């Protein structure tokens, strides 16, 4: 998610970045702004204004 006056990406997109390979390994697009992201060893939790989404970390498939 980009920040500042000229963000690199829209605030509705989450990009999971691999620092070792220097490339994105997954993207999630939403209809509303992403307010926060929490990562665990096996899950990604995306907090939006009116919804919370839970994804598996290894393939970004929606769990709930």
N, C-alpha and C. Protein backbone atom coordinates (compact mmCIF):
# COMPACT_ATOMS: atom_id res chain seq x y z
N UNK A 1 0.85 -1.16 0.00
CA UNK A 1 0.00 0.00 0.00
C UNK A 1 0.91 1.23 0.00
N UNK A 2 0.67 2.12 -0.92
CA UNK A 2 1.48 3.33 -0.99
C UNK A 2 1.05 4.35 0.04
N UNK A 3 1.95 5.25 0.37
CA UNK A 3 1.64 6.30 1.33
C UNK A 3 2.11 7.63 0.79
N UNK A 4 1.74 8.71 1.47
CA UNK A 4 2.18 10.03 1.07
C UNK A 4 1.22 10.67 0.09
N UNK A 5 1.64 11.80 -0.48
CA UNK A 5 0.77 12.54 -1.40
C UNK A 5 0.59 11.84 -2.73
N UNK A 6 1.60 11.13 -3.21
CA UNK A 6 1.52 10.41 -4.49
C UNK A 6 1.80 8.92 -4.26
N UNK A 7 0.81 8.17 -3.80
CA UNK A 7 1.06 6.76 -3.51
C UNK A 7 1.36 5.97 -4.78
N UNK A 8 2.19 4.95 -4.65
CA UNK A 8 2.56 4.11 -5.79
C UNK A 8 1.42 3.21 -6.22
N UNK A 9 0.58 2.83 -5.28
CA UNK A 9 -0.53 1.92 -5.55
C UNK A 9 -1.79 2.47 -4.90
N UNK A 10 -2.95 2.07 -5.41
CA UNK A 10 -4.20 2.54 -4.80
C UNK A 10 -4.37 1.97 -3.39
N UNK A 11 -5.10 2.67 -2.55
CA UNK A 11 -5.30 2.23 -1.17
C UNK A 11 -6.27 1.07 -1.06
N UNK A 12 -6.78 0.60 -2.19
CA UNK A 12 -7.68 -0.55 -2.20
C UNK A 12 -6.94 -1.84 -2.56
N UNK A 13 -5.63 -1.76 -2.73
CA UNK A 13 -4.83 -2.93 -3.14
C UNK A 13 -3.79 -3.27 -2.08
N UNK A 14 -3.68 -4.57 -1.79
CA UNK A 14 -2.64 -5.08 -0.89
C UNK A 14 -1.71 -5.95 -1.72
N UNK A 15 -0.42 -5.68 -1.66
CA UNK A 15 0.57 -6.45 -2.40
C UNK A 15 1.51 -7.10 -1.41
N UNK A 16 1.59 -8.43 -1.47
CA UNK A 16 2.51 -9.19 -0.63
C UNK A 16 3.84 -9.29 -1.36
N UNK A 17 4.89 -8.74 -0.76
CA UNK A 17 6.19 -8.59 -1.41
C UNK A 17 7.21 -9.55 -0.83
N UNK A 18 7.99 -10.19 -1.70
CA UNK A 18 9.08 -11.08 -1.29
C UNK A 18 10.37 -10.29 -1.39
N UNK A 19 10.98 -9.96 -0.24
CA UNK A 19 12.22 -9.19 -0.22
C UNK A 19 13.42 -9.97 -0.76
N UNK A 20 13.40 -11.28 -0.68
CA UNK A 20 14.51 -12.08 -1.17
C UNK A 20 14.52 -12.10 -2.69
N UNK A 21 13.35 -12.36 -3.29
CA UNK A 21 13.25 -12.43 -4.75
C UNK A 21 12.99 -11.06 -5.39
N UNK A 22 12.73 -10.05 -4.56
CA UNK A 22 12.48 -8.68 -5.02
C UNK A 22 11.33 -8.61 -6.04
N UNK A 23 10.23 -9.28 -5.69
CA UNK A 23 9.06 -9.25 -6.56
C UNK A 23 7.80 -9.53 -5.74
N UNK A 24 6.66 -9.11 -6.25
CA UNK A 24 5.41 -9.42 -5.55
C UNK A 24 5.07 -10.90 -5.69
N UNK A 25 4.54 -11.49 -4.63
CA UNK A 25 4.15 -12.90 -4.68
C UNK A 25 2.64 -13.07 -4.58
N UNK A 26 1.93 -11.96 -4.40
CA UNK A 26 0.48 -12.03 -4.37
C UNK A 26 -0.12 -10.65 -4.23
N UNK A 27 -1.36 -10.50 -4.73
CA UNK A 27 -2.08 -9.23 -4.63
C UNK A 27 -3.52 -9.50 -4.27
N UNK A 28 -4.09 -8.59 -3.49
CA UNK A 28 -5.50 -8.63 -3.15
C UNK A 28 -6.09 -7.25 -3.48
N UNK A 29 -7.18 -7.24 -4.23
CA UNK A 29 -7.86 -6.00 -4.57
C UNK A 29 -9.22 -5.97 -3.89
N UNK A 30 -9.57 -4.82 -3.36
CA UNK A 30 -10.83 -4.65 -2.65
C UNK A 30 -11.60 -3.48 -3.23
N UNK A 31 -12.89 -3.40 -2.93
CA UNK A 31 -13.73 -2.31 -3.42
C UNK A 31 -13.56 -1.05 -2.58
N UNK A 32 -13.15 -1.20 -1.32
CA UNK A 32 -12.94 -0.06 -0.43
C UNK A 32 -11.51 -0.05 0.08
N UNK A 33 -11.12 1.04 0.73
CA UNK A 33 -9.76 1.19 1.23
C UNK A 33 -9.39 0.12 2.26
N UNK A 34 -8.14 -0.32 2.19
CA UNK A 34 -7.59 -1.24 3.19
C UNK A 34 -7.11 -0.38 4.35
N UNK A 35 -7.68 -0.61 5.53
CA UNK A 35 -7.31 0.18 6.70
C UNK A 35 -6.12 -0.42 7.44
N UNK A 36 -6.02 -1.76 7.42
CA UNK A 36 -4.92 -2.42 8.14
C UNK A 36 -4.78 -3.84 7.62
N UNK A 37 -3.57 -4.38 7.75
CA UNK A 37 -3.26 -5.77 7.40
C UNK A 37 -2.52 -6.38 8.57
N UNK A 38 -2.91 -7.58 8.95
CA UNK A 38 -2.20 -8.33 9.98
C UNK A 38 -1.74 -9.65 9.36
N UNK A 39 -0.49 -10.01 9.61
CA UNK A 39 0.07 -11.26 9.09
C UNK A 39 0.39 -12.20 10.24
N UNK A 40 0.07 -13.47 10.02
CA UNK A 40 0.51 -14.53 10.92
C UNK A 40 1.30 -15.51 10.09
N UNK A 41 1.79 -16.52 10.71
CA UNK A 41 2.57 -17.52 10.00
C UNK A 41 1.77 -18.18 8.88
N UNK A 42 0.45 -18.30 9.08
CA UNK A 42 -0.38 -19.02 8.12
C UNK A 42 -1.56 -18.22 7.57
N UNK A 43 -1.81 -17.00 8.07
CA UNK A 43 -2.97 -16.23 7.64
C UNK A 43 -2.61 -14.77 7.35
N UNK A 44 -3.42 -14.16 6.49
CA UNK A 44 -3.40 -12.73 6.25
C UNK A 44 -4.80 -12.23 6.59
N UNK A 45 -4.88 -11.19 7.43
CA UNK A 45 -6.17 -10.61 7.80
C UNK A 45 -6.19 -9.18 7.27
N UNK A 46 -7.21 -8.88 6.45
CA UNK A 46 -7.36 -7.55 5.88
C UNK A 46 -8.55 -6.87 6.53
N UNK A 47 -8.31 -5.69 7.09
CA UNK A 47 -9.35 -4.91 7.74
C UNK A 47 -9.78 -3.78 6.82
N UNK A 48 -11.07 -3.78 6.45
CA UNK A 48 -11.65 -2.71 5.66
C UNK A 48 -12.63 -1.97 6.56
N UNK A 49 -13.24 -0.93 6.06
CA UNK A 49 -14.12 -0.11 6.90
C UNK A 49 -15.30 -0.92 7.45
N UNK A 50 -15.91 -1.76 6.64
CA UNK A 50 -17.09 -2.51 7.09
C UNK A 50 -16.93 -4.01 7.04
N UNK A 51 -15.76 -4.51 6.69
CA UNK A 51 -15.55 -5.96 6.57
C UNK A 51 -14.15 -6.34 7.02
N UNK A 52 -14.02 -7.60 7.40
CA UNK A 52 -12.73 -8.20 7.72
C UNK A 52 -12.61 -9.47 6.89
N UNK A 53 -11.51 -9.62 6.16
CA UNK A 53 -11.27 -10.79 5.33
C UNK A 53 -10.08 -11.56 5.89
N UNK A 54 -10.18 -12.90 5.83
CA UNK A 54 -9.10 -13.78 6.27
C UNK A 54 -8.69 -14.65 5.09
N UNK A 55 -7.40 -14.69 4.80
CA UNK A 55 -6.85 -15.46 3.68
C UNK A 55 -5.75 -16.38 4.19
N UNK A 56 -5.55 -17.50 3.49
CA UNK A 56 -4.40 -18.34 3.75
C UNK A 56 -3.17 -17.65 3.18
N UNK A 57 -2.09 -17.63 3.92
CA UNK A 57 -0.89 -16.93 3.48
C UNK A 57 -0.22 -17.58 2.28
N UNK A 58 -0.21 -18.90 2.22
CA UNK A 58 0.55 -19.58 1.17
C UNK A 58 -0.04 -19.41 -0.23
N UNK A 59 -1.37 -19.23 -0.37
CA UNK A 59 -1.95 -19.09 -1.71
C UNK A 59 -2.98 -17.95 -1.81
N UNK A 60 -3.20 -17.21 -0.73
CA UNK A 60 -4.12 -16.08 -0.66
C UNK A 60 -5.56 -16.47 -1.04
N UNK A 61 -5.95 -17.70 -0.68
CA UNK A 61 -7.35 -18.11 -0.86
C UNK A 61 -8.14 -17.67 0.36
N UNK A 62 -9.34 -17.13 0.10
CA UNK A 62 -10.16 -16.60 1.16
C UNK A 62 -10.69 -17.73 2.05
N UNK A 63 -10.51 -17.54 3.37
CA UNK A 63 -11.01 -18.50 4.36
C UNK A 63 -12.34 -18.01 4.90
N UNK A 64 -12.44 -16.71 5.21
CA UNK A 64 -13.66 -16.16 5.79
C UNK A 64 -13.80 -14.70 5.43
